[in-house]
Amino acid sequence: MRESLDFTHQEVLLEVPGFDPWEHPQLGTVLEVIAPLRVLLCGLPGELSVAAAARGLIRHEISFELLEEAIRARDPRRWLEAKDELRRMLKF
């Protein structure tokens, strides 16, 4: 896996088959190899894929930042609820 990654760039984009990036079979391996200090999260829909990514990063104790200007929700109310849940998980 390490040999196939291009470390000349400082970003890794990972396509996922659904809304939860943790369902990608290689995600754990990619995170082990690149050992990110911080992850920038963006995408859509916020209440599904971004929230799922954030929950997994919290479980794996990986720091992240939500790029609010690059996140869109199909259901803004659910996205606000998801952000509240993430804050509780982080014990804000």
PDB file of N, CA and C in Angstrom:
ATOM      1  N   MET A   1       0.842  -1.194   0.000  1.00  0.00           N
ATOM      2  CA  MET A   1       0.000   0.000   0.000  1.00  0.00           C
ATOM      3  C   MET A   1       0.878   1.245   0.000  1.00  0.00           C
ATOM      4  N   ARG A   2       1.881   1.308   0.869  1.00  0.00           N
ATOM      5  CA  ARG A   2       2.716   2.505   0.977  1.00  0.00           C
ATOM      6  C   ARG A   2       3.349   2.863  -0.363  1.00  0.00           C
ATOM      7  N   GLU A   3       3.761   1.865  -1.103  1.00  0.00           N
ATOM      8  CA  GLU A   3       4.410   2.102  -2.393  1.00  0.00           C
ATOM      9  C   GLU A   3       3.456   2.732  -3.406  1.00  0.00           C
ATOM     10  N   SER A   4       2.168   2.490  -3.260  1.00  0.00           N
ATOM     11  CA  SER A   4       1.215   2.995  -4.239  1.00  0.00           C
ATOM     12  C   SER A   4       0.734   4.409  -3.933  1.00  0.00           C
ATOM     13  N   LEU A   5       1.110   4.966  -2.779  1.00  0.00           N
ATOM     14  CA  LEU A   5       0.697   6.324  -2.424  1.00  0.00           C
ATOM     15  C   LEU A   5       1.734   7.330  -2.891  1.00  0.00           C
ATOM     16  N   ASP A   6       1.265   8.440  -3.389  1.00  0.00           N
ATOM     17  CA  ASP A   6       2.125   9.521  -3.856  1.00  0.00           C
ATOM     18  C   ASP A   6       2.254  10.534  -2.726  1.00  0.00           C
ATOM     19  N   PHE A   7       3.397  10.587  -2.078  1.00  0.00           N
ATOM     20  CA  PHE A   7       3.582  11.474  -0.943  1.00  0.00           C
ATOM     21  C   PHE A   7       4.084  12.858  -1.343  1.00  0.00           C
ATOM     22  N   THR A   8       4.046  13.174  -2.636  1.00  0.00           N
ATOM     23  CA  THR A   8       4.447  14.522  -3.049  1.00  0.00           C
ATOM     24  C   THR A   8       3.318  15.516  -2.795  1.00  0.00           C
ATOM     25  N   HIS A   9       2.126  15.029  -2.584  1.00  0.00           N
ATOM     26  CA  HIS A   9       0.981  15.894  -2.295  1.00  0.00           C
ATOM     27  C   HIS A   9       0.648  15.762  -0.819  1.00  0.00           C
ATOM     28  N   GLN A  10      -0.021  16.775  -0.285  1.00  0.00           N
ATOM     29  CA  GLN A  10      -0.365  16.731   1.130  1.00  0.00           C
ATOM     30  C   GLN A  10      -1.830  16.409   1.336  1.00  0.00           C
ATOM     31  N   GLU A  11      -2.435  15.775   0.381  1.00  0.00           N
ATOM     32  CA  GLU A  11      -3.834  15.414   0.546  1.00  0.00           C
ATOM     33  C   GLU A  11      -4.090  14.041  -0.064  1.00  0.00           C
ATOM     34  N   VAL A  12      -5.065  13.377   0.507  1.00  0.00           N
ATOM     35  CA  VAL A  12      -5.500  12.084  -0.007  1.00  0.00           C
ATOM     36  C   VAL A  12      -7.012  12.169  -0.121  1.00  0.00           C
ATOM     37  N   LEU A  13      -7.509  11.916  -1.308  1.00  0.00           N
ATOM     38  CA  LEU A  13      -8.950  11.875  -1.527  1.00  0.00           C
ATOM     39  C   LEU A  13      -9.352  10.419  -1.661  1.00  0.00           C
ATOM     40  N   LEU A  14     -10.386  10.034  -0.956  1.00  0.00           N
ATOM     41  CA  LEU A  14     -10.803   8.644  -0.944  1.00  0.00           C
ATOM     42  C   LEU A  14     -12.266   8.561  -1.348  1.00  0.00           C
ATOM     43  N   GLU A  15     -12.512   7.922  -2.473  1.00  0.00           N
ATOM     44  CA  GLU A  15     -13.904   7.716  -2.892  1.00  0.00           C
ATOM     45  C   GLU A  15     -14.499   6.574  -2.102  1.00  0.00           C
ATOM     46  N   VAL A  16     -15.720   6.759  -1.665  1.00  0.00           N
ATOM     47  CA  VAL A  16     -16.393   5.713  -0.904  1.00  0.00           C
ATOM     48  C   VAL A  16     -17.655   5.286  -1.635  1.00  0.00           C
ATOM     49  N   PRO A  17     -18.036   4.023  -1.482  1.00  0.00           N
ATOM     50  CA  PRO A  17     -19.184   3.508  -2.227  1.00  0.00           C
ATOM     51  C   PRO A  17     -20.541   4.006  -1.726  1.00  0.00           C
ATOM     52  N   GLY A  18     -20.620   4.497  -0.524  1.00  0.00           N
ATOM     53  CA  GLY A  18     -21.893   4.955   0.032  1.00  0.00           C
ATOM     54  C   GLY A  18     -21.676   6.238   0.790  1.00  0.00           C
ATOM     55  N   PHE A  19     -22.333   6.359   1.921  1.00  0.00           N
ATOM     56  CA  PHE A  19     -22.197   7.575   2.716  1.00  0.00           C
ATOM     57  C   PHE A  19     -21.180   7.461   3.837  1.00  0.00           C
ATOM     58  N   ASP A  20     -20.832   6.264   4.245  1.00  0.00           N
ATOM     59  CA  ASP A  20     -19.937   6.085   5.386  1.00  0.00           C
ATOM     60  C   ASP A  20     -18.542   5.704   4.895  1.00  0.00           C
ATOM     61  N   PRO A  21     -17.564   6.605   5.019  1.00  0.00           N
ATOM     62  CA  PRO A  21     -16.215   6.290   4.540  1.00  0.00           C
ATOM     63  C   PRO A  21     -15.570   5.119   5.277  1.00  0.00           C
ATOM     64  N   TRP A  22     -16.064   4.816   6.479  1.00  0.00           N
ATOM     65  CA  TRP A  22     -15.491   3.707   7.238  1.00  0.00           C
ATOM     66  C   TRP A  22     -15.882   2.360   6.653  1.00  0.00           C
ATOM     67  N   GLU A  23     -16.777   2.366   5.665  1.00  0.00           N
ATOM     68  CA  GLU A  23     -17.117   1.131   4.959  1.00  0.00           C
ATOM     69  C   GLU A  23     -16.102   0.812   3.861  1.00  0.00           C
ATOM     70  N   HIS A  24     -15.217   1.756   3.535  1.00  0.00           N
ATOM     71  CA  HIS A  24     -14.185   1.515   2.521  1.00  0.00           C
ATOM     72  C   HIS A  24     -13.204   0.486   3.074  1.00  0.00           C
ATOM     73  N   PRO A  25     -12.969  -0.592   2.349  1.00  0.00           N
ATOM     74  CA  PRO A  25     -12.153  -1.678   2.891  1.00  0.00           C
ATOM     75  C   PRO A  25     -10.694  -1.314   3.164  1.00  0.00           C
ATOM     76  N   GLN A  26     -10.186  -0.256   2.548  1.00  0.00           N
ATOM     77  CA  GLN A  26      -8.781   0.106   2.728  1.00  0.00           C
ATOM     78  C   GLN A  26      -8.558   1.319   3.633  1.00  0.00           C
ATOM     79  N   LEU A  27      -9.625   1.903   4.166  1.00  0.00           N
ATOM     80  CA  LEU A  27      -9.463   3.131   4.932  1.00  0.00           C
ATOM     81  C   LEU A  27      -8.532   2.958   6.133  1.00  0.00           C
ATOM     82  N   GLY A  28      -8.707   1.900   6.882  1.00  0.00           N
ATOM     83  CA  GLY A  28      -7.837   1.668   8.032  1.00  0.00           C
ATOM     84  C   GLY A  28      -6.374   1.587   7.632  1.00  0.00           C
ATOM     85  N   THR A  29      -6.094   0.893   6.545  1.00  0.00           N
ATOM     86  CA  THR A  29      -4.726   0.756   6.057  1.00  0.00           C
ATOM     87  C   THR A  29      -4.172   2.107   5.614  1.00  0.00           C
ATOM     88  N   VAL A  30      -4.987   2.878   4.886  1.00  0.00           N
ATOM     89  CA  VAL A  30      -4.539   4.196   4.436  1.00  0.00           C
ATOM     90  C   VAL A  30      -4.198   5.072   5.626  1.00  0.00           C
ATOM     91  N   LEU A  31      -5.045   5.087   6.636  1.00  0.00           N
ATOM     92  CA  LEU A  31      -4.778   5.912   7.823  1.00  0.00           C
ATOM     93  C   LEU A  31      -3.527   5.449   8.561  1.00  0.00           C
ATOM     94  N   GLU A  32      -3.305   4.148   8.626  1.00  0.00           N
ATOM     95  CA  GLU A  32      -2.084   3.633   9.257  1.00  0.00           C
ATOM     96  C   GLU A  32      -0.850   4.105   8.511  1.00  0.00           C
ATOM     97  N   VAL A  33      -0.907   4.049   7.183  1.00  0.00           N
ATOM     98  CA  VAL A  33       0.252   4.388   6.362  1.00  0.00           C
ATOM     99  C   VAL A  33       0.556   5.875   6.416  1.00  0.00           C
ATOM    100  N   ILE A  34      -0.464   6.708   6.260  1.00  0.00           N
ATOM    101  CA  ILE A  34      -0.194   8.143   6.203  1.00  0.00           C
ATOM    102  C   ILE A  34      -0.146   8.787   7.586  1.00  0.00           C
ATOM    103  N   ALA A  35      -0.728   8.152   8.586  1.00  0.00           N
ATOM    104  CA  ALA A  35      -0.720   8.638   9.978  1.00  0.00           C
ATOM    105  C   ALA A  35      -0.965  10.144  10.051  1.00  0.00           C
ATOM    106  N   PRO A  36      -2.149  10.586   9.652  1.00  0.00           N
ATOM    107  CA  PRO A  36      -2.397  12.030   9.602  1.00  0.00           C
ATOM    108  C   PRO A  36      -2.420  12.658  10.999  1.00  0.00           C
ATOM    109  N   LEU A  37      -1.899  13.873  11.076  1.00  0.00           N
ATOM    110  CA  LEU A  37      -1.975  14.623  12.329  1.00  0.00           C
ATOM    111  C   LEU A  37      -3.328  15.294  12.451  1.00  0.00           C
ATOM    112  N   ARG A  38      -3.872  15.671  11.301  1.00  0.00           N
ATOM    113  CA  ARG A  38      -5.168  16.332  11.273  1.00  0.00           C
ATOM    114  C   ARG A  38      -5.816  16.068   9.915  1.00  0.00           C
ATOM    115  N   VAL A  39      -7.137  15.919   9.934  1.00  0.00           N
ATOM    116  CA  VAL A  39      -7.897  15.666   8.714  1.00  0.00           C
ATOM    117  C   VAL A  39      -8.852  16.834   8.500  1.00  0.00           C
ATOM    118  N   LEU A  40      -8.933  17.312   7.271  1.00  0.00           N
ATOM    119  CA  LEU A  40      -9.898  18.348   6.909  1.00  0.00           C
ATOM    120  C   LEU A  40     -11.098  17.663   6.294  1.00  0.00           C
ATOM    121  N   LEU A  41     -12.273  17.883   6.866  1.00  0.00           N
ATOM    122  CA  LEU A  41     -13.485  17.222   6.388  1.00  0.00           C
ATOM    123  C   LEU A  41     -14.370  18.183   5.603  1.00  0.00           C
ATOM    124  N   CYS A  42     -14.810  17.722   4.453  1.00  0.00           N
ATOM    125  CA  CYS A  42     -15.769  18.473   3.656  1.00  0.00           C
ATOM    126  C   CYS A  42     -16.559  17.472   2.832  1.00  0.00           C
ATOM    127  N   GLY A  43     -17.601  17.949   2.180  1.00  0.00           N
ATOM    128  CA  GLY A  43     -18.367  17.067   1.313  1.00  0.00           C
ATOM    129  C   GLY A  43     -19.853  17.215   1.517  1.00  0.00           C
ATOM    130  N   LEU A  44     -20.548  16.271   0.949  1.00  0.00           N
ATOM    131  CA  LEU A  44     -21.998  16.268   1.074  1.00  0.00           C
ATOM    132  C   LEU A  44     -22.493  14.843   0.977  1.00  0.00           C
ATOM    133  N   PRO A  45     -23.599  14.547   1.522  1.00  0.00           N
ATOM    134  CA  PRO A  45     -24.364  15.378   2.448  1.00  0.00           C
ATOM    135  C   PRO A  45     -23.725  15.375   3.837  1.00  0.00           C
ATOM    136  N   GLY A  46     -23.706  16.547   4.422  1.00  0.00           N
ATOM    137  CA  GLY A  46     -23.053  16.720   5.719  1.00  0.00           C
ATOM    138  C   GLY A  46     -23.613  15.821   6.793  1.00  0.00           C
ATOM    139  N   GLU A  47     -24.941  15.702   6.813  1.00  0.00           N
ATOM    140  CA  GLU A  47     -25.574  14.939   7.887  1.00  0.00           C
ATOM    141  C   GLU A  47     -25.338  13.435   7.759  1.00  0.00           C
ATOM    142  N   LEU A  48     -24.851  12.999   6.613  1.00  0.00           N
ATOM    143  CA  LEU A  48     -24.581  11.565   6.425  1.00  0.00           C
ATOM    144  C   LEU A  48     -23.088  11.289   6.323  1.00  0.00           C
ATOM    145  N   SER A  49     -22.470  11.643   5.212  1.00  0.00           N
ATOM    146  CA  SER A  49     -21.080  11.244   4.992  1.00  0.00           C
ATOM    147  C   SER A  49     -20.087  12.010   5.855  1.00  0.00           C
ATOM    148  N   VAL A  50     -20.238  13.321   5.965  1.00  0.00           N
ATOM    149  CA  VAL A  50     -19.296  14.091   6.779  1.00  0.00           C
ATOM    150  C   VAL A  50     -19.434  13.703   8.250  1.00  0.00           C
ATOM    151  N   ALA A  51     -20.651  13.574   8.718  1.00  0.00           N
ATOM    152  CA  ALA A  51     -20.880  13.182  10.115  1.00  0.00           C
ATOM    153  C   ALA A  51     -20.306  11.791  10.388  1.00  0.00           C
ATOM    154  N   ALA A  52     -20.492  10.852   9.469  1.00  0.00           N
ATOM    155  CA  ALA A  52     -19.960   9.495   9.651  1.00  0.00           C
ATOM    156  C   ALA A  52     -18.433   9.521   9.690  1.00  0.00           C
ATOM    157  N   ALA A  53     -17.828  10.307   8.815  1.00  0.00           N
ATOM    158  CA  ALA A  53     -16.369  10.421   8.803  1.00  0.00           C
ATOM    159  C   ALA A  53     -15.877  10.989  10.133  1.00  0.00           C
ATOM    160  N   ALA A  54     -16.537  12.029  10.613  1.00  0.00           N
ATOM    161  CA  ALA A  54     -16.135  12.652  11.874  1.00  0.00           C
ATOM    162  C   ALA A  54     -16.273  11.689  13.047  1.00  0.00           C
ATOM    163  N   ARG A  55     -17.368  10.942  13.087  1.00  0.00           N
ATOM    164  CA  ARG A  55     -17.552   9.965  14.183  1.00  0.00           C
ATOM    165  C   ARG A  55     -16.410   8.956  14.203  1.00  0.00           C
ATOM    166  N   GLY A  56     -16.041   8.461  13.028  1.00  0.00           N
ATOM    167  CA  GLY A  56     -14.941   7.496  12.947  1.00  0.00           C
ATOM    168  C   GLY A  56     -13.606   8.097  13.365  1.00  0.00           C
ATOM    169  N   LEU A  57     -13.366   9.341  12.959  1.00  0.00           N
ATOM    170  CA  LEU A  57     -12.120   9.995  13.358  1.00  0.00           C
ATOM    171  C   LEU A  57     -12.068  10.181  14.871  1.00  0.00           C
ATOM    172  N   ILE A  58     -13.191  10.520  15.464  1.00  0.00           N
ATOM    173  CA  ILE A  58     -13.246  10.648  16.926  1.00  0.00           C
ATOM    174  C   ILE A  58     -12.933   9.301  17.571  1.00  0.00           C
ATOM    175  N   ARG A  59     -13.542   8.225  17.061  1.00  0.00           N
ATOM    176  CA  ARG A  59     -13.287   6.884  17.615  1.00  0.00           C
ATOM    177  C   ARG A  59     -11.808   6.504  17.497  1.00  0.00           C
ATOM    178  N   HIS A  60     -11.169   6.937  16.394  1.00  0.00           N
ATOM    179  CA  HIS A  60      -9.759   6.601  16.177  1.00  0.00           C
ATOM    180  C   HIS A  60      -8.815   7.664  16.744  1.00  0.00           C
ATOM    181  N   GLU A  61      -9.378   8.643  17.444  1.00  0.00           N
ATOM    182  CA  GLU A  61      -8.604   9.703  18.090  1.00  0.00           C
ATOM    183  C   GLU A  61      -7.714  10.454  17.110  1.00  0.00           C
ATOM    184  N   ILE A  62      -8.290  10.781  15.947  1.00  0.00           N
ATOM    185  CA  ILE A  62      -7.592  11.560  14.925  1.00  0.00           C
ATOM    186  C   ILE A  62      -8.225  12.947  14.897  1.00  0.00           C
ATOM    187  N   SER A  63      -7.392  13.957  15.006  1.00  0.00           N
ATOM    188  CA  SER A  63      -7.856  15.343  15.004  1.00  0.00           C
ATOM    189  C   SER A  63      -8.432  15.699  13.627  1.00  0.00           C
ATOM    190  N   PHE A  64      -9.482  16.514  13.639  1.00  0.00           N
ATOM    191  CA  PHE A  64     -10.064  16.935  12.366  1.00  0.00           C
ATOM    192  C   PHE A  64     -10.650  18.329  12.489  1.00  0.00           C
ATOM    193  N   GLU A  65     -10.877  18.917  11.335  1.00  0.00           N
ATOM    194  CA  GLU A  65     -11.517  20.226  11.253  1.00  0.00           C
ATOM    195  C   GLU A  65     -12.632  20.132  10.225  1.00  0.00           C
ATOM    196  N   LEU A  66     -13.798  20.629  10.579  1.00  0.00           N
ATOM    197  CA  LEU A  66     -14.909  20.688   9.635  1.00  0.00           C
ATOM    198  C   LEU A  66     -14.755  21.950   8.794  1.00  0.00           C
ATOM    199  N   LEU A  67     -14.662  21.795   7.495  1.00  0.00           N
ATOM    200  CA  LEU A  67     -14.589  22.947   6.600  1.00  0.00           C
ATOM    201  C   LEU A  67     -16.017  23.347   6.242  1.00  0.00           C
ATOM    202  N   GLU A  68     -16.622  24.113   7.131  1.00  0.00           N
ATOM    203  CA  GLU A  68     -18.050  24.450   7.023  1.00  0.00           C
ATOM    204  C   GLU A  68     -18.430  25.011   5.651  1.00  0.00           C
ATOM    205  N   GLU A  69     -17.553  25.836   5.075  1.00  0.00           N
ATOM    206  CA  GLU A  69     -17.884  26.447   3.786  1.00  0.00           C
ATOM    207  C   GLU A  69     -17.879  25.438   2.643  1.00  0.00           C
ATOM    208  N   ALA A  70     -17.358  24.249   2.897  1.00  0.00           N
ATOM    209  CA  ALA A  70     -17.307  23.215   1.866  1.00  0.00           C
ATOM    210  C   ALA A  70     -18.153  22.000   2.240  1.00  0.00           C
ATOM    211  N   ILE A  71     -19.122  22.206   3.116  1.00  0.00           N
ATOM    212  CA  ILE A  71     -20.033  21.130   3.526  1.00  0.00           C
ATOM    213  C   ILE A  71     -21.451  21.577   3.216  1.00  0.00           C
ATOM    214  N   ARG A  72     -22.203  20.719   2.571  1.00  0.00           N
ATOM    215  CA  ARG A  72     -23.608  21.000   2.275  1.00  0.00           C
ATOM    216  C   ARG A  72     -24.454  19.854   2.824  1.00  0.00           C
ATOM    217  N   ALA A  73     -25.623  20.224   3.280  1.00  0.00           N
ATOM    218  CA  ALA A  73     -26.540  19.226   3.842  1.00  0.00           C
ATOM    219  C   ALA A  73     -27.776  19.108   2.965  1.00  0.00           C
ATOM    220  N   ARG A  74     -28.291  17.910   2.839  1.00  0.00           N
ATOM    221  CA  ARG A  74     -29.600  17.737   2.194  1.00  0.00           C
ATOM    222  C   ARG A  74     -30.691  18.170   3.154  1.00  0.00           C
ATOM    223  N   ASP A  75     -30.445  17.929   4.447  1.00  0.00           N
ATOM    224  CA  ASP A  75     -31.407  18.279   5.489  1.00  0.00           C
ATOM    225  C   ASP A  75     -30.665  19.104   6.547  1.00  0.00           C
ATOM    226  N   PRO A  76     -30.740  20.442   6.448  1.00  0.00           N
ATOM    227  CA  PRO A  76     -29.992  21.304   7.373  1.00  0.00           C
ATOM    228  C   PRO A  76     -30.273  21.034   8.854  1.00  0.00           C
ATOM    229  N   ARG A  77     -31.503  20.684   9.198  1.00  0.00           N
ATOM    230  CA  ARG A  77     -31.831  20.390  10.594  1.00  0.00           C
ATOM    231  C   ARG A  77     -31.051  19.172  11.080  1.00  0.00           C
ATOM    232  N   ARG A  78     -31.011  18.129  10.260  1.00  0.00           N
ATOM    233  CA  ARG A  78     -30.265  16.918  10.643  1.00  0.00           C
ATOM    234  C   ARG A  78     -28.759  17.197  10.738  1.00  0.00           C
ATOM    235  N   TRP A  79     -28.258  18.102   9.895  1.00  0.00           N
ATOM    236  CA  TRP A  79     -26.839  18.447   9.947  1.00  0.00           C
ATOM    237  C   TRP A  79     -26.527  19.177  11.255  1.00  0.00           C
ATOM    238  N   LEU A  80     -27.401  20.080  11.667  1.00  0.00           N
ATOM    239  CA  LEU A  80     -27.210  20.760  12.951  1.00  0.00           C
ATOM    240  C   LEU A  80     -27.242  19.761  14.095  1.00  0.00           C
ATOM    241  N   GLU A  81     -28.157  18.803  14.042  1.00  0.00           N
ATOM    242  CA  GLU A  81     -28.227  17.758  15.066  1.00  0.00           C
ATOM    243  C   GLU A  81     -26.949  16.916  15.072  1.00  0.00           C
ATOM    244  N   ALA A  82     -26.443  16.597  13.877  1.00  0.00           N
ATOM    245  CA  ALA A  82     -25.211  15.810  13.787  1.00  0.00           C
ATOM    246  C   ALA A  82     -24.033  16.583  14.379  1.00  0.00           C
ATOM    247  N   LYS A  83     -23.946  17.889  14.095  1.00  0.00           N
ATOM    248  CA  LYS A  83     -22.858  18.689  14.664  1.00  0.00           C
ATOM    249  C   LYS A  83     -22.966  18.752  16.183  1.00  0.00           C
ATOM    250  N   ASP A  84     -24.178  18.853  16.705  1.00  0.00           N
ATOM    251  CA  ASP A  84     -24.357  18.829  18.163  1.00  0.00           C
ATOM    252  C   ASP A  84     -23.875  17.510  18.744  1.00  0.00           C
ATOM    253  N   GLU A  85     -24.213  16.411  18.062  1.00  0.00           N
ATOM    254  CA  GLU A  85     -23.751  15.095  18.510  1.00  0.00           C
ATOM    255  C   GLU A  85     -22.229  15.007  18.511  1.00  0.00           C
ATOM    256  N   LEU A  86     -21.593  15.528  17.458  1.00  0.00           N
ATOM    257  CA  LEU A  86     -20.130  15.505  17.382  1.00  0.00           C
ATOM    258  C   LEU A  86     -19.514  16.321  18.510  1.00  0.00           C
ATOM    259  N   ARG A  87     -20.094  17.458  18.805  1.00  0.00           N
ATOM    260  CA  ARG A  87     -19.584  18.284  19.913  1.00  0.00           C
ATOM    261  C   ARG A  87     -19.677  17.511  21.236  1.00  0.00           C
ATOM    262  N   ARG A  88     -20.787  16.807  21.433  1.00  0.00           N
ATOM    263  CA  ARG A  88     -20.929  16.009  22.666  1.00  0.00           C
ATOM    264  C   ARG A  88     -19.879  14.901  22.703  1.00  0.00           C
ATOM    265  N   MET A  89     -19.640  14.284  21.559  1.00  0.00           N
ATOM    266  CA  MET A  89     -18.624  13.224  21.503  1.00  0.00           C
ATOM    267  C   MET A  89     -17.242  13.771  21.840  1.00  0.00           C
ATOM    268  N   LEU A  90     -16.992  15.005  21.430  1.00  0.00           N
ATOM    269  CA  LEU A  90     -15.701  15.642  21.704  1.00  0.00           C
ATOM    270  C   LEU A  90     -15.665  16.289  23.074  1.00  0.00           C
ATOM    271  N   LYS A  91     -16.813  16.272  23.749  1.00  0.00           N
ATOM    272  CA  LYS A  91     -16.957  16.838  25.090  1.00  0.00           C
ATOM    273  C   LYS A  91     -16.659  18.330  25.113  1.00  0.00           C
ATOM    274  N   PHE A  92     -17.245  19.043  24.152  1.00  0.00           N
ATOM    275  CA  PHE A  92     -17.131  20.510  24.120  1.00  0.00           C
ATOM    276  C   PHE A  92     -17.903  21.097  25.258  1.00  0.00           C
TER     277      PHE A  92
END
